[in-house]
Structure formats: C-alpha cells, structure tokens
PDB file of N, CA and C in Angstrom:
ATOM      1  N   MET A   1     -25.015 -18.379  27.418  1.00  0.00           N
ATOM      2  CA  MET A   1     -23.827 -17.690  27.199  1.00  0.00           C
ATOM      3  C   MET A   1     -22.962 -17.722  28.564  1.00  0.00           C
ATOM      4  N   GLY A   2     -21.678 -17.876  28.386  1.00  0.00           N
ATOM      5  CA  GLY A   2     -20.787 -17.908  29.421  1.00  0.00           C
ATOM      6  C   GLY A   2     -20.472 -16.461  30.007  1.00  0.00           C
ATOM      7  N   ARG A   3     -20.078 -16.401  31.282  1.00  0.00           N
ATOM      8  CA  ARG A   3     -19.819 -15.140  31.837  1.00  0.00           C
ATOM      9  C   ARG A   3     -18.382 -14.833  31.566  1.00  0.00           C
ATOM     10  N   GLU A   4     -18.077 -13.481  31.360  1.00  0.00           N
ATOM     11  CA  GLU A   4     -16.687 -13.115  30.954  1.00  0.00           C
ATOM     12  C   GLU A   4     -16.034 -12.205  32.085  1.00  0.00           C
ATOM     13  N   GLU A   5     -16.549 -12.428  33.249  1.00  0.00           N
ATOM     14  CA  GLU A   5     -15.933 -11.750  34.365  1.00  0.00           C
ATOM     15  C   GLU A   5     -14.534 -12.219  34.636  1.00  0.00           C
ATOM     16  N   GLY A   6     -13.603 -11.275  34.830  1.00  0.00           N
ATOM     17  CA  GLY A   6     -12.207 -11.628  35.111  1.00  0.00           C
ATOM     18  C   GLY A   6     -11.344 -11.910  33.763  1.00  0.00           C
ATOM     19  N   GLN A   7     -12.036 -11.751  32.654  1.00  0.00           N
ATOM     20  CA  GLN A   7     -11.257 -12.105  31.463  1.00  0.00           C
ATOM     21  C   GLN A   7     -10.100 -11.107  31.259  1.00  0.00           C
ATOM     22  N   SER A   8     -10.270  -9.861  31.628  1.00  0.00           N
ATOM     23  CA  SER A   8      -9.132  -8.874  31.396  1.00  0.00           C
ATOM     24  C   SER A   8      -7.958  -9.156  32.434  1.00  0.00           C
ATOM     25  N   THR A   9      -8.352  -9.691  33.593  1.00  0.00           N
ATOM     26  CA  THR A   9      -7.298 -10.041  34.466  1.00  0.00           C
ATOM     27  C   THR A   9      -6.494 -11.123  34.029  1.00  0.00           C
ATOM     28  N   VAL A  10      -7.041 -12.190  33.425  1.00  0.00           N
ATOM     29  CA  VAL A  10      -6.407 -13.383  32.918  1.00  0.00           C
ATOM     30  C   VAL A  10      -5.512 -12.897  31.692  1.00  0.00           C
ATOM     31  N   GLU A  11      -5.971 -12.054  30.862  1.00  0.00           N
ATOM     32  CA  GLU A  11      -5.127 -11.488  29.742  1.00  0.00           C
ATOM     33  C   GLU A  11      -4.022 -10.673  30.218  1.00  0.00           C
ATOM     34  N   LEU A  12      -4.144  -9.948  31.311  1.00  0.00           N
ATOM     35  CA  LEU A  12      -3.096  -9.159  31.865  1.00  0.00           C
ATOM     36  C   LEU A  12      -2.033 -10.003  32.411  1.00  0.00           C
ATOM     37  N   VAL A  13      -2.412 -10.988  33.193  1.00  0.00           N
ATOM     38  CA  VAL A  13      -1.471 -11.902  33.777  1.00  0.00           C
ATOM     39  C   VAL A  13      -0.679 -12.712  32.750  1.00  0.00           C
ATOM     40  N   ALA A  14      -1.307 -13.090  31.557  1.00  0.00           N
ATOM     41  CA  ALA A  14      -0.732 -13.717  30.503  1.00  0.00           C
ATOM     42  C   ALA A  14       0.167 -12.822  29.793  1.00  0.00           C
ATOM     43  N   ALA A  15      -0.030 -11.615  29.541  1.00  0.00           N
ATOM     44  CA  ALA A  15       0.782 -10.664  28.744  1.00  0.00           C
ATOM     45  C   ALA A  15       1.986 -10.032  29.547  1.00  0.00           C
ATOM     46  N   LEU A  16       1.798 -10.063  30.889  1.00  0.00           N
ATOM     47  CA  LEU A  16       2.702  -9.318  31.842  1.00  0.00           C
ATOM     48  C   LEU A  16       4.242  -9.823  31.548  1.00  0.00           C
ATOM     49  N   PRO A  17       4.462 -11.164  31.453  1.00  0.00           N
ATOM     50  CA  PRO A  17       5.879 -11.521  31.250  1.00  0.00           C
ATOM     51  C   PRO A  17       6.437 -11.041  29.860  1.00  0.00           C
ATOM     52  N   ALA A  18       5.549 -11.073  28.864  1.00  0.00           N
ATOM     53  CA  ALA A  18       6.015 -10.545  27.579  1.00  0.00           C
ATOM     54  C   ALA A  18       6.390  -9.037  27.728  1.00  0.00           C
ATOM     55  N   LEU A  19       5.528  -8.270  28.376  1.00  0.00           N
ATOM     56  CA  LEU A  19       5.815  -6.871  28.406  1.00  0.00           C
ATOM     57  C   LEU A  19       7.083  -6.586  29.304  1.00  0.00           C
ATOM     58  N   LEU A  20       7.249  -7.446  30.317  1.00  0.00           N
ATOM     59  CA  LEU A  20       8.398  -7.261  31.169  1.00  0.00           C
ATOM     60  C   LEU A  20       9.675  -7.671  30.442  1.00  0.00           C
ATOM     61  N   LEU A  21       9.646  -8.632  29.519  1.00  0.00           N
ATOM     62  CA  LEU A  21      10.828  -9.016  28.872  1.00  0.00           C
ATOM     63  C   LEU A  21      11.070  -7.965  27.701  1.00  0.00           C
ATOM     64  N   ALA A  22      10.087  -7.461  27.178  1.00  0.00           N
ATOM     65  CA  ALA A  22      10.265  -6.330  26.156  1.00  0.00           C
ATOM     66  C   ALA A  22      10.939  -5.184  26.804  1.00  0.00           C
ATOM     67  N   GLY A  23      10.505  -4.744  28.032  1.00  0.00           N
ATOM     68  CA  GLY A  23      11.055  -3.652  28.715  1.00  0.00           C
ATOM     69  C   GLY A  23      12.485  -3.896  29.120  1.00  0.00           C
ATOM     70  N   LEU A  24      12.829  -5.115  29.506  1.00  0.00           N
ATOM     71  CA  LEU A  24      14.150  -5.481  29.925  1.00  0.00           C
ATOM     72  C   LEU A  24      15.091  -5.358  28.713  1.00  0.00           C
ATOM     73  N   LEU A  25      14.634  -5.920  27.625  1.00  0.00           N
ATOM     74  CA  LEU A  25      15.399  -5.853  26.368  1.00  0.00           C
ATOM     75  C   LEU A  25      15.680  -4.456  25.932  1.00  0.00           C
ATOM     76  N   ALA A  26      14.693  -3.692  25.985  1.00  0.00           N
ATOM     77  CA  ALA A  26      14.967  -2.289  25.626  1.00  0.00           C
ATOM     78  C   ALA A  26      15.996  -1.574  26.487  1.00  0.00           C
ATOM     79  N   LEU A  27      15.825  -1.796  27.808  1.00  0.00           N
ATOM     80  CA  LEU A  27      16.711  -1.247  28.778  1.00  0.00           C
ATOM     81  C   LEU A  27      18.225  -1.772  28.493  1.00  0.00           C
ATOM     82  N   GLN A  28      18.322  -3.028  28.132  1.00  0.00           N
ATOM     83  CA  GLN A  28      19.683  -3.517  27.927  1.00  0.00           C
ATOM     84  C   GLN A  28      20.306  -2.979  26.672  1.00  0.00           C
ATOM     85  N   LEU A  29      19.483  -2.734  25.613  1.00  0.00           N
ATOM     86  CA  LEU A  29      20.027  -2.101  24.409  1.00  0.00           C
ATOM     87  C   LEU A  29      20.366  -0.613  24.642  1.00  0.00           C
ATOM     88  N   LEU A  30      19.646   0.012  25.496  1.00  0.00           N
ATOM     89  CA  LEU A  30      19.994   1.466  25.937  1.00  0.00           C
ATOM     90  C   LEU A  30      21.336   1.430  26.576  1.00  0.00           C
ATOM     91  N   VAL A  31      21.553   0.463  27.571  1.00  0.00           N
ATOM     92  CA  VAL A  31      22.797   0.470  28.220  1.00  0.00           C
ATOM     93  C   VAL A  31      23.938   0.162  27.340  1.00  0.00           C
ATOM     94  N   ALA A  32      23.771  -0.756  26.397  1.00  0.00           N
ATOM     95  CA  ALA A  32      24.728  -1.032  25.399  1.00  0.00           C
ATOM     96  C   ALA A  32      25.216   0.180  24.510  1.00  0.00           C
ATOM     97  N   GLY A  33      24.223   0.962  24.175  1.00  0.00           N
ATOM     98  CA  GLY A  33      24.417   2.184  23.436  1.00  0.00           C
ATOM     99  C   GLY A  33      25.202   3.178  24.287  1.00  0.00           C
ATOM    100  N   TYR A  34      24.814   3.339  25.517  1.00  0.00           N
ATOM    101  CA  TYR A  34      25.416   4.225  26.423  1.00  0.00           C
ATOM    102  C   TYR A  34      26.971   3.687  26.640  1.00  0.00           C
ATOM    103  N   SER A  35      27.152   2.460  26.695  1.00  0.00           N
ATOM    104  CA  SER A  35      28.529   1.893  26.859  1.00  0.00           C
ATOM    105  C   SER A  35      29.385   2.182  25.571  1.00  0.00           C
ATOM    106  N   LEU A  36      28.792   2.191  24.401  1.00  0.00           N
ATOM    107  CA  LEU A  36      29.487   2.737  23.215  1.00  0.00           C
ATOM    108  C   LEU A  36      29.933   4.127  23.430  1.00  0.00           C
ATOM    109  N   THR A  37      29.022   5.031  23.841  1.00  0.00           N
ATOM    110  CA  THR A  37      29.459   6.468  24.079  1.00  0.00           C
ATOM    111  C   THR A  37      30.582   6.535  25.080  1.00  0.00           C
ATOM    112  N   LEU A  38      30.525   5.777  26.090  1.00  0.00           N
ATOM    113  CA  LEU A  38      31.569   5.826  27.048  1.00  0.00           C
ATOM    114  C   LEU A  38      32.906   5.325  26.464  1.00  0.00           C
ATOM    115  N   ALA A  39      32.971   4.263  25.709  1.00  0.00           N
ATOM    116  CA  ALA A  39      34.167   3.722  25.077  1.00  0.00           C
ATOM    117  C   ALA A  39      34.680   4.651  24.051  1.00  0.00           C
ATOM    118  N   ASP A  40      33.863   5.471  23.324  1.00  0.00           N
ATOM    119  CA  ASP A  40      34.349   6.515  22.366  1.00  0.00           C
ATOM    120  C   ASP A  40      35.075   7.530  23.225  1.00  0.00           C
ATOM    121  N   GLY A  41      34.474   8.028  24.299  1.00  0.00           N
ATOM    122  CA  GLY A  41      35.153   8.955  25.134  1.00  0.00           C
ATOM    123  C   GLY A  41      36.502   8.472  25.706  1.00  0.00           C
ATOM    124  N   ALA A  42      36.480   7.351  26.206  1.00  0.00           N
ATOM    125  CA  ALA A  42      37.693   6.829  26.837  1.00  0.00           C
ATOM    126  C   ALA A  42      38.857   6.593  25.824  1.00  0.00           C
ATOM    127  N   ALA A  43      38.466   6.058  24.544  1.00  0.00           N
ATOM    128  CA  ALA A  43      39.419   6.012  23.514  1.00  0.00           C
ATOM    129  C   ALA A  43      40.074   7.453  23.163  1.00  0.00           C
ATOM    130  N   GLU A  44      39.058   8.392  23.007  1.00  0.00           N
ATOM    131  CA  GLU A  44      39.639   9.645  22.765  1.00  0.00           C
ATOM    132  C   GLU A  44      40.519  10.310  23.807  1.00  0.00           C
ATOM    133  N   ALA A  45      40.173  10.039  25.085  1.00  0.00           N
ATOM    134  CA  ALA A  45      41.000  10.581  26.242  1.00  0.00           C
ATOM    135  C   ALA A  45      42.371   9.778  26.223  1.00  0.00           C
ATOM    136  N   GLY A  46      42.393   8.571  25.887  1.00  0.00           N
ATOM    137  CA  GLY A  46      43.658   7.834  25.778  1.00  0.00           C
ATOM    138  C   GLY A  46      44.499   8.278  24.619  1.00  0.00           C
ATOM    139  N   ALA A  47      43.856   8.676  23.466  1.00  0.00           N
ATOM    140  CA  ALA A  47      44.668   9.077  22.361  1.00  0.00           C
ATOM    141  C   ALA A  47      45.175  10.573  22.680  1.00  0.00           C
ATOM    142  N   LEU A  48      44.421  11.371  23.332  1.00  0.00           N
ATOM    143  CA  LEU A  48      44.905  12.689  23.666  1.00  0.00           C
ATOM    144  C   LEU A  48      46.067  12.610  24.622  1.00  0.00           C
ATOM    145  N   ALA A  49      45.935  11.633  25.539  1.00  0.00           N
ATOM    146  CA  ALA A  49      47.084  11.552  26.549  1.00  0.00           C
ATOM    147  C   ALA A  49      48.345  11.119  25.876  1.00  0.00           C
ATOM    148  N   LEU A  50      48.136  10.105  24.901  1.00  0.00           N
ATOM    149  CA  LEU A  50      49.211   9.581  24.237  1.00  0.00           C
ATOM    150  C   LEU A  50      49.939  10.629  23.379  1.00  0.00           C
ATOM    151  N   ALA A  51      49.055  11.404  22.761  1.00  0.00           N
ATOM    152  CA  ALA A  51      49.625  12.564  22.001  1.00  0.00           C
ATOM    153  C   ALA A  51      50.488  13.509  22.715  1.00  0.00           C
ATOM    154  N   SER A  52      50.135  13.716  24.073  1.00  0.00           N
ATOM    155  CA  SER A  52      50.786  14.671  24.958  1.00  0.00           C
ATOM    156  C   SER A  52      51.934  14.007  25.765  1.00  0.00           C
ATOM    157  N   GLY A  53      52.048  12.787  25.458  1.00  0.00           N
ATOM    158  CA  GLY A  53      53.282  12.093  26.180  1.00  0.00           C
ATOM    159  C   GLY A  53      52.849  11.510  27.495  1.00  0.00           C
ATOM    160  N   ARG A  54      51.648  11.334  27.762  1.00  0.00           N
ATOM    161  CA  ARG A  54      51.187  10.745  29.088  1.00  0.00           C
ATOM    162  C   ARG A  54      50.707   9.324  28.802  1.00  0.00           C
ATOM    163  N   PRO A  55      50.654   8.414  29.868  1.00  0.00           N
ATOM    164  CA  PRO A  55      50.252   7.157  29.635  1.00  0.00           C
ATOM    165  C   PRO A  55      48.711   7.013  29.168  1.00  0.00           C
ATOM    166  N   ALA A  56      48.563   6.445  28.007  1.00  0.00           N
ATOM    167  CA  ALA A  56      47.228   6.385  27.462  1.00  0.00           C
ATOM    168  C   ALA A  56      46.241   5.410  28.146  1.00  0.00           C
ATOM    169  N   VAL A  57      46.791   4.215  28.682  1.00  0.00           N
ATOM    170  CA  VAL A  57      45.867   3.314  29.366  1.00  0.00           C
ATOM    171  C   VAL A  57      45.314   3.894  30.687  1.00  0.00           C
ATOM    172  N   ALA A  58      46.099   4.614  31.473  1.00  0.00           N
ATOM    173  CA  ALA A  58      45.554   5.181  32.616  1.00  0.00           C
ATOM    174  C   ALA A  58      44.565   6.306  32.386  1.00  0.00           C
ATOM    175  N   ALA A  59      44.728   7.198  31.281  1.00  0.00           N
ATOM    176  CA  ALA A  59      43.859   8.165  30.921  1.00  0.00           C
ATOM    177  C   ALA A  59      42.537   7.607  30.389  1.00  0.00           C
ATOM    178  N   ALA A  60      42.605   6.513  29.745  1.00  0.00           N
ATOM    179  CA  ALA A  60      41.436   5.885  29.108  1.00  0.00           C
ATOM    180  C   ALA A  60      40.572   5.214  30.265  1.00  0.00           C
ATOM    181  N   ARG A  61      41.307   4.513  31.164  1.00  0.00           N
ATOM    182  CA  ARG A  61      40.583   4.016  32.356  1.00  0.00           C
ATOM    183  C   ARG A  61      39.974   5.115  33.245  1.00  0.00           C
ATOM    184  N   ASP A  62      40.649   6.127  33.430  1.00  0.00           N
ATOM    185  CA  ASP A  62      40.030   7.268  34.204  1.00  0.00           C
ATOM    186  C   ASP A  62      38.794   7.855  33.672  1.00  0.00           C
ATOM    187  N   ALA A  63      38.699   7.806  32.276  1.00  0.00           N
ATOM    188  CA  ALA A  63      37.622   8.454  31.652  1.00  0.00           C
ATOM    189  C   ALA A  63      36.300   7.566  31.723  1.00  0.00           C
ATOM    190  N   VAL A  64      36.377   6.323  32.216  1.00  0.00           N
ATOM    191  CA  VAL A  64      35.306   5.429  32.401  1.00  0.00           C
ATOM    192  C   VAL A  64      34.756   5.598  33.802  1.00  0.00           C
ATOM    193  N   PRO A  65      33.386   5.681  33.984  1.00  0.00           N
ATOM    194  CA  PRO A  65      32.809   5.799  35.365  1.00  0.00           C
ATOM    195  C   PRO A  65      33.053   4.491  36.136  1.00  0.00           C
ATOM    196  N   GLY A  66      33.015   4.617  37.483  1.00  0.00           N
ATOM    197  CA  GLY A  66      33.269   3.613  38.382  1.00  0.00           C
ATOM    198  C   GLY A  66      32.561   2.246  38.073  1.00  0.00           C
ATOM    199  N   TRP A  67      31.254   2.372  37.777  1.00  0.00           N
ATOM    200  CA  TRP A  67      30.448   1.081  37.525  1.00  0.00           C
ATOM    201  C   TRP A  67      30.975   0.281  36.360  1.00  0.00           C
ATOM    202  N   ALA A  68      31.730   0.867  35.471  1.00  0.00           N
ATOM    203  CA  ALA A  68      32.192   0.280  34.265  1.00  0.00           C
ATOM    204  C   ALA A  68      33.656  -0.213  34.300  1.00  0.00           C
ATOM    205  N   GLU A  69      34.298   0.060  35.424  1.00  0.00           N
ATOM    206  CA  GLU A  69      35.776  -0.268  35.456  1.00  0.00           C
ATOM    207  C   GLU A  69      35.989  -1.668  35.362  1.00  0.00           C
ATOM    208  N   ASP A  70      35.168  -2.572  35.814  1.00  0.00           N
ATOM    209  CA  ASP A  70      35.448  -4.016  35.764  1.00  0.00           C
ATOM    210  C   ASP A  70      35.322  -4.537  34.378  1.00  0.00           C
ATOM    211  N   GLY A  71      34.562  -3.929  33.427  1.00  0.00           N
ATOM    212  CA  GLY A  71      34.274  -4.397  32.168  1.00  0.00           C
ATOM    213  C   GLY A  71      35.078  -3.775  30.991  1.00  0.00           C
ATOM    214  N   VAL A  72      36.123  -2.982  31.416  1.00  0.00           N
ATOM    215  CA  VAL A  72      36.839  -2.231  30.314  1.00  0.00           C
ATOM    216  C   VAL A  72      38.249  -2.851  30.097  1.00  0.00           C
ATOM    217  N   SER A  73      38.709  -2.981  28.848  1.00  0.00           N
ATOM    218  CA  SER A  73      40.058  -3.202  28.604  1.00  0.00           C
ATOM    219  C   SER A  73      40.610  -2.247  27.595  1.00  0.00           C
ATOM    220  N   VAL A  74      41.846  -1.841  27.757  1.00  0.00           N
ATOM    221  CA  VAL A  74      42.492  -0.836  26.901  1.00  0.00           C
ATOM    222  C   VAL A  74      43.774  -1.400  26.308  1.00  0.00           C
ATOM    223  N   SER A  75      43.847  -1.268  24.968  1.00  0.00           N
ATOM    224  CA  SER A  75      45.173  -1.596  24.323  1.00  0.00           C
ATOM    225  C   SER A  75      45.582  -0.399  23.518  1.00  0.00           C
ATOM    226  N   VAL A  76      47.082  -0.344  23.370  1.00  0.00           N
ATOM    227  CA  VAL A  76      47.743   0.696  22.655  1.00  0.00           C
ATOM    228  C   VAL A  76      48.695   0.022  21.656  1.00  0.00           C
ATOM    229  N   GLU A  77      48.484   0.268  20.442  1.00  0.00           N
ATOM    230  CA  GLU A  77      49.464  -0.259  19.332  1.00  0.00           C
ATOM    231  C   GLU A  77      49.806   0.981  18.513  1.00  0.00           C
ATOM    232  N   GLY A  78      51.008   1.278  18.559  1.00  0.00           N
ATOM    233  CA  GLY A  78      51.493   2.518  17.920  1.00  0.00           C
ATOM    234  C   GLY A  78      50.829   3.642  18.418  1.00  0.00           C
ATOM    235  N   GLY A  79      50.129   4.412  17.549  1.00  0.00           N
ATOM    236  CA  GLY A  79      49.386   5.584  18.036  1.00  0.00           C
ATOM    237  C   GLY A  79      47.855   5.344  18.184  1.00  0.00           C
ATOM    238  N   ARG A  80      47.450   4.166  18.121  1.00  0.00           N
ATOM    239  CA  ARG A  80      46.031   3.748  18.193  1.00  0.00           C
ATOM    240  C   ARG A  80      45.685   3.256  19.547  1.00  0.00           C
ATOM    241  N   VAL A  81      44.674   3.854  20.159  1.00  0.00           N
ATOM    242  CA  VAL A  81      44.179   3.487  21.491  1.00  0.00           C
ATOM    243  C   VAL A  81      42.782   2.715  21.245  1.00  0.00           C
ATOM    244  N   THR A  82      42.744   1.501  21.619  1.00  0.00           N
ATOM    245  CA  THR A  82      41.436   0.807  21.526  1.00  0.00           C
ATOM    246  C   THR A  82      40.947   0.476  22.851  1.00  0.00           C
ATOM    247  N   VAL A  83      39.587   0.750  23.025  1.00  0.00           N
ATOM    248  CA  VAL A  83      38.813   0.518  24.282  1.00  0.00           C
ATOM    249  C   VAL A  83      37.803  -0.481  24.057  1.00  0.00           C
ATOM    250  N   ARG A  84      37.641  -1.550  24.811  1.00  0.00           N
ATOM    251  CA  ARG A  84      36.609  -2.584  24.678  1.00  0.00           C
ATOM    252  C   ARG A  84      35.929  -2.487  26.100  1.00  0.00           C
ATOM    253  N   LEU A  85      34.484  -2.342  25.996  1.00  0.00           N
ATOM    254  CA  LEU A  85      33.741  -2.123  27.237  1.00  0.00           C
ATOM    255  C   LEU A  85      32.536  -3.097  27.138  1.00  0.00           C
ATOM    256  N   ARG A  86      32.446  -3.875  28.166  1.00  0.00           N
ATOM    257  CA  ARG A  86      31.356  -4.879  28.289  1.00  0.00           C
ATOM    258  C   ARG A  86      30.356  -4.226  29.207  1.00  0.00           C
ATOM    259  N   PRO A  87      29.050  -3.976  28.637  1.00  0.00           N
ATOM    260  CA  PRO A  87      28.036  -3.323  29.391  1.00  0.00           C
ATOM    261  C   PRO A  87      27.560  -4.275  30.537  1.00  0.00           C
ATOM    262  N   PRO A  88      27.021  -3.653  31.596  1.00  0.00           N
ATOM    263  CA  PRO A  88      26.497  -4.491  32.607  1.00  0.00           C
ATOM    264  C   PRO A  88      25.211  -5.237  32.037  1.00  0.00           C
ATOM    265  N   ALA A  89      25.004  -6.456  32.552  1.00  0.00           N
ATOM    266  CA  ALA A  89      23.882  -7.255  32.136  1.00  0.00           C
ATOM    267  C   ALA A  89      23.528  -8.265  33.193  1.00  0.00           C
ATOM    268  N   PRO A  90      22.164  -8.645  33.334  1.00  0.00           N
ATOM    269  CA  PRO A  90      21.815  -9.619  34.372  1.00  0.00           C
ATOM    270  C   PRO A  90      22.486 -10.975  34.091  1.00  0.00           C
ATOM    271  N   ILE A  91      22.603 -11.249  32.852  1.00  0.00           N
ATOM    272  CA  ILE A  91      23.296 -12.574  32.493  1.00  0.00           C
ATOM    273  C   ILE A  91      24.614 -12.222  31.829  1.00  0.00           C
ATOM    274  N   PRO A  92      25.693 -12.732  32.362  1.00  0.00           N
ATOM    275  CA  PRO A  92      27.014 -12.384  31.892  1.00  0.00           C
ATOM    276  C   PRO A  92      27.225 -12.654  30.347  1.00  0.00           C
ATOM    277  N   ALA A  93      26.540 -13.695  29.941  1.00  0.00           N
ATOM    278  CA  ALA A  93      26.782 -14.017  28.496  1.00  0.00           C
ATOM    279  C   ALA A  93      26.187 -12.827  27.586  1.00  0.00           C
ATOM    280  N   ILE A  94      25.121 -12.226  28.105  1.00  0.00           N
ATOM    281  CA  ILE A  94      24.544 -11.114  27.236  1.00  0.00           C
ATOM    282  C   ILE A  94      25.465  -9.998  27.295  1.00  0.00           C
ATOM    283  N   GLY A  95      26.177  -9.691  28.396  1.00  0.00           N
ATOM    284  CA  GLY A  95      27.189  -8.577  28.447  1.00  0.00           C
ATOM    285  C   GLY A  95      28.291  -8.832  27.509  1.00  0.00           C
ATOM    286  N   ARG A  96      28.723 -10.091  27.521  1.00  0.00           N
ATOM    287  CA  ARG A  96      29.877 -10.366  26.520  1.00  0.00           C
ATOM    288  C   ARG A  96      29.459 -10.225  25.077  1.00  0.00           C
ATOM    289  N   ALA A  97      28.209 -10.677  24.777  1.00  0.00           N
ATOM    290  CA  ALA A  97      27.685 -10.556  23.429  1.00  0.00           C
ATOM    291  C   ALA A  97      27.496  -9.120  22.903  1.00  0.00           C
ATOM    292  N   LEU A  98      27.240  -8.282  23.886  1.00  0.00           N
ATOM    293  CA  LEU A  98      27.003  -6.838  23.508  1.00  0.00           C
ATOM    294  C   LEU A  98      28.194  -6.047  23.789  1.00  0.00           C
ATOM    295  N   ALA A  99      29.290  -6.548  24.042  1.00  0.00           N
ATOM    296  CA  ALA A  99      30.531  -5.714  24.187  1.00  0.00           C
ATOM    297  C   ALA A  99      30.821  -4.732  23.020  1.00  0.00           C
ATOM    298  N   VAL A 100      31.254  -3.641  23.358  1.00  0.00           N
ATOM    299  CA  VAL A 100      31.487  -2.608  22.344  1.00  0.00           C
ATOM    300  C   VAL A 100      32.953  -2.273  22.223  1.00  0.00           C
ATOM    301  N   THR A 101      33.404  -1.892  21.066  1.00  0.00           N
ATOM    302  CA  THR A 101      34.812  -1.437  20.924  1.00  0.00           C
ATOM    303  C   THR A 101      34.868  -0.077  20.123  1.00  0.00           C
ATOM    304  N   SER A 102      35.845   0.760  20.652  1.00  0.00           N
ATOM    305  CA  SER A 102      35.999   1.954  19.970  1.00  0.00           C
ATOM    306  C   SER A 102      37.514   2.184  19.999  1.00  0.00           C
ATOM    307  N   SER A 103      38.028   2.935  18.936  1.00  0.00           N
ATOM    308  CA  SER A 103      39.316   3.287  18.757  1.00  0.00           C
ATOM    309  C   SER A 103      39.522   4.704  18.367  1.00  0.00           C
ATOM    310  N   ALA A 104      40.678   5.259  18.785  1.00  0.00           N
ATOM    311  CA  ALA A 104      41.036   6.580  18.472  1.00  0.00           C
ATOM    312  C   ALA A 104      42.575   6.680  18.115  1.00  0.00           C
ATOM    313  N   GLN A 105      42.892   7.537  17.129  1.00  0.00           N
ATOM    314  CA  GLN A 105      44.290   7.511  16.699  1.00  0.00           C
ATOM    315  C   GLN A 105      44.960   8.833  17.192  1.00  0.00           C
ATOM    316  N   ALA A 106      46.192   8.728  17.729  1.00  0.00           N
ATOM    317  CA  ALA A 106      46.899   9.915  18.149  1.00  0.00           C
ATOM    318  C   ALA A 106      47.878  10.164  17.140  1.00  0.00           C
ATOM    319  N   ARG A 107      47.895  11.399  16.649  1.00  0.00           N
ATOM    320  CA  ARG A 107      48.875  11.882  15.653  1.00  0.00           C
ATOM    321  C   ARG A 107      49.976  12.710  16.326  1.00  0.00           C
ATOM    322  N   PRO A 108      51.161  12.423  16.084  1.00  0.00           N
ATOM    323  CA  PRO A 108      52.178  13.179  16.762  1.00  0.00           C
ATOM    324  C   PRO A 108      52.296  14.656  16.140  1.00  0.00           C
ATOM    325  N   ARG A 109      52.824  15.547  16.870  1.00  0.00           N
ATOM    326  CA  ARG A 109      52.857  16.980  16.336  1.00  0.00           C
ATOM    327  C   ARG A 109      53.890  17.094  15.297  1.00  0.00           C
TER     328      ARG A 109
END
C-alpha cells in the first residue's frame, strides 16, 4: 500500500484557485448589487432636484460616493432622470458588462 502523507495538502493546493475565484465572483456580484442601490438613489435625487427647479445632473452626481464618480453617467429627458453606473471591477470588461441603470420620474406640481 502506498503512503498517503501530504494528500490533504495537495488537495488544498488544487482547490485553492477555485475557492479564490468563487470568492471573487461573489464579491463582484455584491459590488454590482450595491451599485444598483447607488444608481437608484442618484436617480431619485436627480428627479427631486428637477421637480424643485434645480439642476438634476449635478444633484444625481452629488448623490454618488467618490469612488463611483468615474463610472457614472446621468441623462435627463423631459422629466425622467436616468443614471448609469459602472461598478468597479478588476477587469474593465467585467465592469462594463455589469453596468446598472436606474431611472426616476419627476412630476411637476
């Protein structure tokens, strides 16, 4: 019979990259979900500003934290404010693929 010393170490080394990839994937999905929450809040802030006669784009951009400022774009059409937010990602293509969009409507008084 062969000896099995070190077998668990070999299995751990073989499984570690898969565990690391699964963890990074879960973290990236959490960041994308949080980005959607931020985009919702920014769209609502822009719509509220638009309804009160203030600039919607500036209000929406101010509602986004500093780390997300580079990945945000805001558009206003009529009374609708749309915010598109690209979450941070280690590979830019992933961030572009997981970009989220949220809209809010401003109704005049």
